């Protein structure tokens, strides 16, 4: 099977993550954008394992946009959607949404902020190659 995946049967992976202290990279309890790529890769791997028995090998990350800071303690939802499939390559559109945070932008709040609808904090495209 090759080409664009039909919208009638999208292949979607989702996972929820709470950002731990070990991910803090910058002052103000901020997380590095590279963590989003790692989380997308985890979600893409799970889709690959469920569909094909292998998570594939990451070969590219493109069109990366980091739209809002992510902090320690934040609750995130990762969503990946298969957008193109070649004989061995798979391309996924990846989005990270912020659902809960103690921060309002860069300022720490007294309590938790719930985002409804969830706030898109990062997006990009990952390409993986499946083994022969």
N, C-alpha and C. Protein backbone atom coordinates (compact mmCIF):
# COMPACT_ATOMS: atom_id res chain seq x y z
N UNK A 1 0.85 -1.17 0.00
CA UNK A 1 0.00 0.00 0.00
C UNK A 1 0.90 1.23 0.00
N UNK A 2 0.52 2.22 -0.77
CA UNK A 2 1.35 3.40 -0.92
C UNK A 2 0.47 4.63 -1.06
N UNK A 3 1.02 5.80 -0.77
CA UNK A 3 0.30 7.05 -1.00
C UNK A 3 -0.27 7.63 0.26
N UNK A 4 -1.31 8.44 0.10
CA UNK A 4 -1.93 9.17 1.20
C UNK A 4 -2.95 8.27 1.89
N UNK A 5 -2.98 8.33 3.19
CA UNK A 5 -3.95 7.56 3.97
C UNK A 5 -5.30 8.26 3.86
N UNK A 6 -6.36 7.50 3.66
CA UNK A 6 -7.69 8.08 3.46
C UNK A 6 -8.25 8.63 4.77
N UNK A 7 -9.00 9.74 4.70
CA UNK A 7 -9.57 10.32 5.92
C UNK A 7 -10.66 9.43 6.52
N UNK A 8 -11.23 8.48 5.73
CA UNK A 8 -12.27 7.60 6.25
C UNK A 8 -11.74 6.72 7.37
N UNK A 9 -10.47 6.36 7.31
CA UNK A 9 -9.89 5.47 8.30
C UNK A 9 -8.55 6.01 8.79
N UNK A 10 -8.55 7.17 9.46
CA UNK A 10 -7.27 7.72 9.93
C UNK A 10 -6.65 6.82 10.99
N UNK A 11 -5.35 6.75 10.96
CA UNK A 11 -4.61 5.97 11.96
C UNK A 11 -4.05 6.96 12.95
N UNK A 12 -4.55 6.88 14.17
CA UNK A 12 -4.22 7.86 15.19
C UNK A 12 -3.67 7.17 16.43
N UNK A 13 -2.63 7.77 17.00
CA UNK A 13 -2.12 7.33 18.30
C UNK A 13 -2.24 8.48 19.28
N UNK A 14 -2.60 8.16 20.50
CA UNK A 14 -2.72 9.19 21.54
C UNK A 14 -2.10 8.69 22.83
N UNK A 15 -1.52 9.61 23.57
CA UNK A 15 -1.07 9.27 24.92
C UNK A 15 -1.08 10.54 25.76
N UNK A 16 -1.33 10.35 27.05
CA UNK A 16 -1.33 11.45 28.00
C UNK A 16 -0.08 11.34 28.85
N UNK A 17 0.52 12.50 29.14
CA UNK A 17 1.79 12.54 29.86
C UNK A 17 1.75 13.67 30.88
N UNK A 18 2.28 13.39 32.06
CA UNK A 18 2.50 14.44 33.06
C UNK A 18 3.99 14.73 33.06
N UNK A 19 4.38 15.97 32.87
CA UNK A 19 5.78 16.37 32.76
C UNK A 19 6.45 16.29 34.13
N UNK A 20 7.50 15.48 34.23
CA UNK A 20 8.21 15.29 35.49
C UNK A 20 9.35 16.28 35.68
N UNK A 21 9.83 16.38 36.91
CA UNK A 21 10.96 17.27 37.24
C UNK A 21 12.21 16.96 36.43
N UNK A 22 12.39 15.68 36.11
CA UNK A 22 13.60 15.28 35.38
C UNK A 22 13.66 15.87 33.97
N UNK A 23 12.55 16.37 33.46
CA UNK A 23 12.51 16.95 32.11
C UNK A 23 12.85 18.44 32.10
N UNK A 24 12.90 19.06 33.28
CA UNK A 24 13.20 20.49 33.34
C UNK A 24 14.58 20.74 32.76
N UNK A 25 14.65 21.69 31.83
CA UNK A 25 15.91 21.97 31.16
C UNK A 25 16.32 23.44 31.31
N UNK A 26 15.34 24.31 31.41
CA UNK A 26 15.61 25.74 31.48
C UNK A 26 15.07 26.32 32.79
N UNK A 27 15.50 27.54 33.10
CA UNK A 27 14.98 28.20 34.30
C UNK A 27 13.47 28.38 34.16
N UNK A 28 12.81 28.55 35.27
CA UNK A 28 11.36 28.69 35.24
C UNK A 28 10.65 27.37 35.01
N UNK A 29 11.34 26.26 35.29
CA UNK A 29 10.80 24.91 35.15
C UNK A 29 10.36 24.59 33.72
N UNK A 30 11.00 25.22 32.74
CA UNK A 30 10.64 24.97 31.33
C UNK A 30 11.31 23.72 30.79
N UNK A 31 10.61 23.09 29.86
CA UNK A 31 11.06 21.86 29.21
C UNK A 31 11.59 22.20 27.83
N UNK A 32 12.64 21.52 27.39
CA UNK A 32 13.20 21.73 26.05
C UNK A 32 12.24 21.19 24.99
N UNK A 33 12.20 21.86 23.85
CA UNK A 33 11.36 21.42 22.74
C UNK A 33 11.69 20.02 22.26
N UNK A 34 12.94 19.61 22.43
CA UNK A 34 13.35 18.26 22.02
C UNK A 34 12.53 17.19 22.74
N UNK A 35 12.01 17.51 23.91
CA UNK A 35 11.18 16.55 24.64
C UNK A 35 9.90 16.24 23.87
N UNK A 36 9.38 17.23 23.13
CA UNK A 36 8.17 16.98 22.33
C UNK A 36 8.48 15.95 21.25
N UNK A 37 9.65 16.08 20.63
CA UNK A 37 10.04 15.13 19.58
C UNK A 37 10.16 13.72 20.16
N UNK A 38 10.72 13.62 21.37
CA UNK A 38 10.84 12.31 22.03
C UNK A 38 9.46 11.72 22.30
N UNK A 39 8.53 12.53 22.80
CA UNK A 39 7.18 12.04 23.10
C UNK A 39 6.45 11.63 21.83
N UNK A 40 6.59 12.43 20.75
CA UNK A 40 5.98 12.05 19.48
C UNK A 40 6.55 10.72 18.99
N UNK A 41 7.87 10.56 19.13
CA UNK A 41 8.52 9.31 18.72
C UNK A 41 7.98 8.12 19.49
N UNK A 42 7.75 8.29 20.80
CA UNK A 42 7.18 7.22 21.61
C UNK A 42 5.79 6.84 21.10
N UNK A 43 4.98 7.84 20.78
CA UNK A 43 3.62 7.59 20.33
C UNK A 43 3.62 6.95 18.94
N UNK A 44 4.48 7.45 18.04
CA UNK A 44 4.61 6.86 16.70
C UNK A 44 5.07 5.41 16.81
N UNK A 45 6.02 5.13 17.70
CA UNK A 45 6.50 3.76 17.88
C UNK A 45 5.38 2.84 18.32
N UNK A 46 4.54 3.31 19.23
CA UNK A 46 3.43 2.48 19.67
C UNK A 46 2.47 2.16 18.53
N UNK A 47 2.19 3.15 17.69
CA UNK A 47 1.32 2.90 16.53
C UNK A 47 1.96 1.85 15.62
N UNK A 48 3.27 1.99 15.37
CA UNK A 48 3.97 1.03 14.52
C UNK A 48 3.96 -0.37 15.09
N UNK A 49 4.19 -0.49 16.39
CA UNK A 49 4.19 -1.81 17.03
C UNK A 49 2.81 -2.45 16.94
N UNK A 50 1.78 -1.68 17.20
CA UNK A 50 0.41 -2.22 17.13
C UNK A 50 0.03 -2.62 15.70
N UNK A 51 0.45 -1.86 14.70
CA UNK A 51 0.07 -2.14 13.31
C UNK A 51 0.96 -3.17 12.64
N UNK A 52 2.30 -3.07 12.92
CA UNK A 52 3.24 -3.84 12.11
C UNK A 52 4.24 -4.65 12.92
N UNK A 53 4.14 -4.60 14.22
CA UNK A 53 5.04 -5.39 15.05
C UNK A 53 6.41 -4.77 15.28
N UNK A 54 6.61 -3.54 14.82
CA UNK A 54 7.88 -2.84 14.99
C UNK A 54 7.62 -1.35 15.03
N UNK A 55 8.36 -0.64 15.88
CA UNK A 55 8.16 0.80 16.02
C UNK A 55 8.77 1.63 14.92
N UNK A 56 9.65 1.03 14.12
CA UNK A 56 10.30 1.78 13.05
C UNK A 56 11.49 2.57 13.57
N UNK A 57 12.20 3.20 12.65
CA UNK A 57 13.39 3.99 12.96
C UNK A 57 13.15 5.43 12.52
N UNK A 58 13.32 6.37 13.44
CA UNK A 58 13.12 7.78 13.13
C UNK A 58 14.20 8.24 12.16
N UNK A 59 13.78 8.83 11.03
CA UNK A 59 14.74 9.32 10.05
C UNK A 59 14.62 10.83 9.80
N UNK A 60 13.55 11.45 10.32
CA UNK A 60 13.42 12.88 10.08
C UNK A 60 12.34 13.52 10.92
N UNK A 61 12.56 14.78 11.23
CA UNK A 61 11.58 15.63 11.92
C UNK A 61 11.57 16.96 11.18
N UNK A 62 10.42 17.35 10.66
CA UNK A 62 10.33 18.57 9.85
C UNK A 62 9.15 19.44 10.31
N UNK A 63 9.14 20.66 9.82
CA UNK A 63 8.06 21.61 10.07
C UNK A 63 7.74 21.74 11.56
N UNK A 64 8.78 21.76 12.39
CA UNK A 64 8.60 21.85 13.84
C UNK A 64 8.20 23.26 14.25
N UNK A 65 7.17 23.34 15.09
CA UNK A 65 6.74 24.62 15.63
C UNK A 65 6.47 24.45 17.12
N UNK A 66 7.13 25.26 17.92
CA UNK A 66 6.93 25.26 19.36
C UNK A 66 6.17 26.54 19.68
N UNK A 67 4.90 26.40 20.03
CA UNK A 67 3.97 27.52 20.07
C UNK A 67 3.73 28.11 21.45
N UNK A 68 4.05 27.34 22.50
CA UNK A 68 3.76 27.77 23.87
C UNK A 68 4.70 27.01 24.80
N UNK A 69 5.19 27.65 25.87
CA UNK A 69 6.10 26.95 26.77
C UNK A 69 5.42 25.79 27.51
N UNK A 70 6.21 24.76 27.79
CA UNK A 70 5.77 23.62 28.58
C UNK A 70 6.63 23.58 29.84
N UNK A 71 5.99 23.33 30.98
CA UNK A 71 6.67 23.39 32.28
C UNK A 71 6.50 22.07 33.06
N UNK A 72 7.37 21.91 34.05
CA UNK A 72 7.26 20.79 34.97
C UNK A 72 5.86 20.77 35.58
N UNK A 73 5.26 19.59 35.63
CA UNK A 73 3.93 19.43 36.21
C UNK A 73 2.80 19.53 35.20
N UNK A 74 3.07 20.05 34.01
CA UNK A 74 2.02 20.19 33.01
C UNK A 74 1.48 18.82 32.60
N UNK A 75 0.21 18.80 32.25
CA UNK A 75 -0.44 17.59 31.73
C UNK A 75 -0.63 17.79 30.22
N UNK A 76 -0.05 16.88 29.45
CA UNK A 76 -0.05 16.99 27.99
C UNK A 76 -0.80 15.84 27.35
N UNK A 77 -1.36 16.09 26.17
CA UNK A 77 -1.87 15.02 25.33
C UNK A 77 -1.09 15.04 24.04
N UNK A 78 -0.54 13.88 23.67
CA UNK A 78 0.20 13.72 22.43
C UNK A 78 -0.72 13.03 21.44
N UNK A 79 -0.76 13.55 20.22
CA UNK A 79 -1.59 12.94 19.18
C UNK A 79 -0.78 12.85 17.89
N UNK A 80 -0.73 11.66 17.31
CA UNK A 80 -0.04 11.47 16.03
C UNK A 80 -1.02 10.84 15.05
N UNK A 81 -0.96 11.30 13.81
CA UNK A 81 -1.85 10.79 12.76
C UNK A 81 -1.01 10.41 11.55
N UNK A 82 -1.17 9.19 11.08
CA UNK A 82 -0.46 8.74 9.88
C UNK A 82 -0.99 9.52 8.69
N UNK A 83 -0.10 10.24 7.99
CA UNK A 83 -0.52 11.08 6.86
C UNK A 83 -0.07 10.52 5.52
N UNK A 84 1.05 9.81 5.48
CA UNK A 84 1.55 9.20 4.24
C UNK A 84 2.19 7.87 4.56
N UNK A 85 2.04 6.95 3.63
CA UNK A 85 2.64 5.63 3.83
C UNK A 85 3.24 5.16 2.52
N UNK A 86 4.54 4.85 2.55
CA UNK A 86 5.20 4.25 1.41
C UNK A 86 5.39 2.77 1.67
N UNK A 87 6.23 2.12 0.87
CA UNK A 87 6.45 0.69 1.09
C UNK A 87 7.11 0.43 2.44
N UNK A 88 8.03 1.30 2.86
CA UNK A 88 8.67 1.17 4.18
C UNK A 88 8.57 2.44 5.01
N UNK A 89 8.34 3.59 4.39
CA UNK A 89 8.31 4.85 5.15
C UNK A 89 6.90 5.17 5.62
N UNK A 90 6.85 5.84 6.76
CA UNK A 90 5.59 6.30 7.34
C UNK A 90 5.80 7.74 7.80
N UNK A 91 4.87 8.61 7.43
CA UNK A 91 4.96 10.01 7.85
C UNK A 91 3.77 10.31 8.76
N UNK A 92 4.07 10.94 9.89
CA UNK A 92 3.04 11.24 10.90
C UNK A 92 2.99 12.73 11.18
N UNK A 93 1.78 13.28 11.20
CA UNK A 93 1.55 14.63 11.71
C UNK A 93 1.43 14.50 13.22
N UNK A 94 2.18 15.31 13.96
CA UNK A 94 2.26 15.20 15.41
C UNK A 94 1.85 16.52 16.06
N UNK A 95 1.05 16.41 17.12
CA UNK A 95 0.61 17.60 17.85
C UNK A 95 0.69 17.31 19.35
N UNK A 96 1.12 18.31 20.11
CA UNK A 96 1.08 18.24 21.58
C UNK A 96 0.11 19.31 22.07
N UNK A 97 -0.80 18.89 22.93
CA UNK A 97 -1.79 19.79 23.53
C UNK A 97 -1.53 19.90 25.03
N UNK A 98 -1.70 21.10 25.55
CA UNK A 98 -1.61 21.35 26.99
C UNK A 98 -3.02 21.30 27.57
N UNK A 99 -3.20 20.47 28.61
CA UNK A 99 -4.52 20.33 29.22
C UNK A 99 -4.59 20.98 30.60
N UNK A 100 -3.53 20.81 31.40
CA UNK A 100 -3.46 21.40 32.74
C UNK A 100 -2.08 21.99 32.97
N UNK A 101 -2.01 23.13 33.65
CA UNK A 101 -0.72 23.74 33.96
C UNK A 101 -0.84 24.63 35.19
N UNK A 102 0.26 24.72 35.93
CA UNK A 102 0.34 25.68 37.04
C UNK A 102 0.80 27.04 36.53
N UNK A 103 1.09 27.11 35.24
CA UNK A 103 1.58 28.35 34.64
C UNK A 103 0.53 28.96 33.72
N UNK A 104 0.54 30.29 33.66
CA UNK A 104 -0.25 31.02 32.69
C UNK A 104 0.77 31.76 31.83
N UNK A 105 1.14 31.16 30.71
CA UNK A 105 2.26 31.68 29.93
C UNK A 105 3.54 31.41 30.69
N UNK A 106 4.27 32.45 31.07
CA UNK A 106 5.53 32.28 31.80
C UNK A 106 5.36 32.54 33.30
N UNK A 107 4.17 32.94 33.74
CA UNK A 107 3.95 33.26 35.15
C UNK A 107 3.31 32.09 35.87
N UNK A 108 3.88 31.73 37.02
CA UNK A 108 3.33 30.64 37.83
C UNK A 108 2.07 31.13 38.54
N UNK A 109 1.03 30.31 38.49
CA UNK A 109 -0.26 30.65 39.10
C UNK A 109 -0.36 30.09 40.51
N UNK A 110 -1.35 30.54 41.25
CA UNK A 110 -1.61 30.00 42.59
C UNK A 110 -2.14 28.57 42.51
N UNK A 111 -2.99 28.32 41.53
CA UNK A 111 -3.60 26.99 41.38
C UNK A 111 -3.37 26.46 39.97
N UNK A 112 -4.18 25.51 39.59
CA UNK A 112 -4.05 24.89 38.28
C UNK A 112 -4.93 25.59 37.26
N UNK A 113 -4.42 25.72 36.05
CA UNK A 113 -5.18 26.26 34.93
C UNK A 113 -5.59 25.09 34.04
N UNK A 114 -6.89 24.99 33.77
CA UNK A 114 -7.41 23.95 32.89
C UNK A 114 -7.72 24.60 31.54
N UNK A 115 -7.20 24.02 30.48
CA UNK A 115 -7.38 24.58 29.15
C UNK A 115 -8.46 23.79 28.42
N UNK A 116 -9.59 24.46 28.16
CA UNK A 116 -10.68 23.87 27.41
C UNK A 116 -11.12 24.86 26.35
N UNK A 117 -10.92 24.59 25.10
CA UNK A 117 -10.28 23.38 24.60
C UNK A 117 -8.78 23.39 24.92
N UNK A 118 -8.18 22.22 24.78
CA UNK A 118 -6.75 22.09 25.03
C UNK A 118 -5.97 23.05 24.14
N UNK A 119 -4.85 23.54 24.66
CA UNK A 119 -4.01 24.51 23.95
C UNK A 119 -2.92 23.79 23.17
N UNK A 120 -2.84 24.03 21.86
CA UNK A 120 -1.79 23.43 21.05
C UNK A 120 -0.47 24.09 21.39
N UNK A 121 0.52 23.30 21.86
CA UNK A 121 1.80 23.86 22.26
C UNK A 121 2.93 23.53 21.30
N UNK A 122 2.76 22.48 20.48
CA UNK A 122 3.80 22.11 19.53
C UNK A 122 3.20 21.25 18.43
N UNK A 123 3.81 21.34 17.24
CA UNK A 123 3.40 20.48 16.13
C UNK A 123 4.57 20.27 15.19
N UNK A 124 4.51 19.19 14.46
CA UNK A 124 5.57 18.86 13.52
C UNK A 124 5.25 17.58 12.77
N UNK A 125 6.18 17.17 11.94
CA UNK A 125 6.03 15.95 11.15
C UNK A 125 7.22 15.04 11.43
N UNK A 126 6.93 13.80 11.78
CA UNK A 126 7.99 12.79 11.95
C UNK A 126 7.88 11.76 10.83
N UNK A 127 9.05 11.33 10.34
CA UNK A 127 9.11 10.28 9.34
C UNK A 127 9.90 9.12 9.93
N UNK A 128 9.33 7.93 9.81
CA UNK A 128 10.00 6.71 10.27
C UNK A 128 10.09 5.74 9.09
N UNK A 129 11.06 4.85 9.20
CA UNK A 129 11.24 3.79 8.20
C UNK A 129 11.11 2.46 8.93
N UNK A 130 10.34 1.57 8.35
CA UNK A 130 10.14 0.24 8.92
C UNK A 130 11.23 -0.69 8.37
N UNK A 131 11.68 -1.65 9.19
CA UNK A 131 12.71 -2.57 8.71
C UNK A 131 12.16 -3.50 7.62
N UNK A 132 13.08 -4.05 6.82
CA UNK A 132 12.68 -4.98 5.75
C UNK A 132 12.28 -6.30 6.36
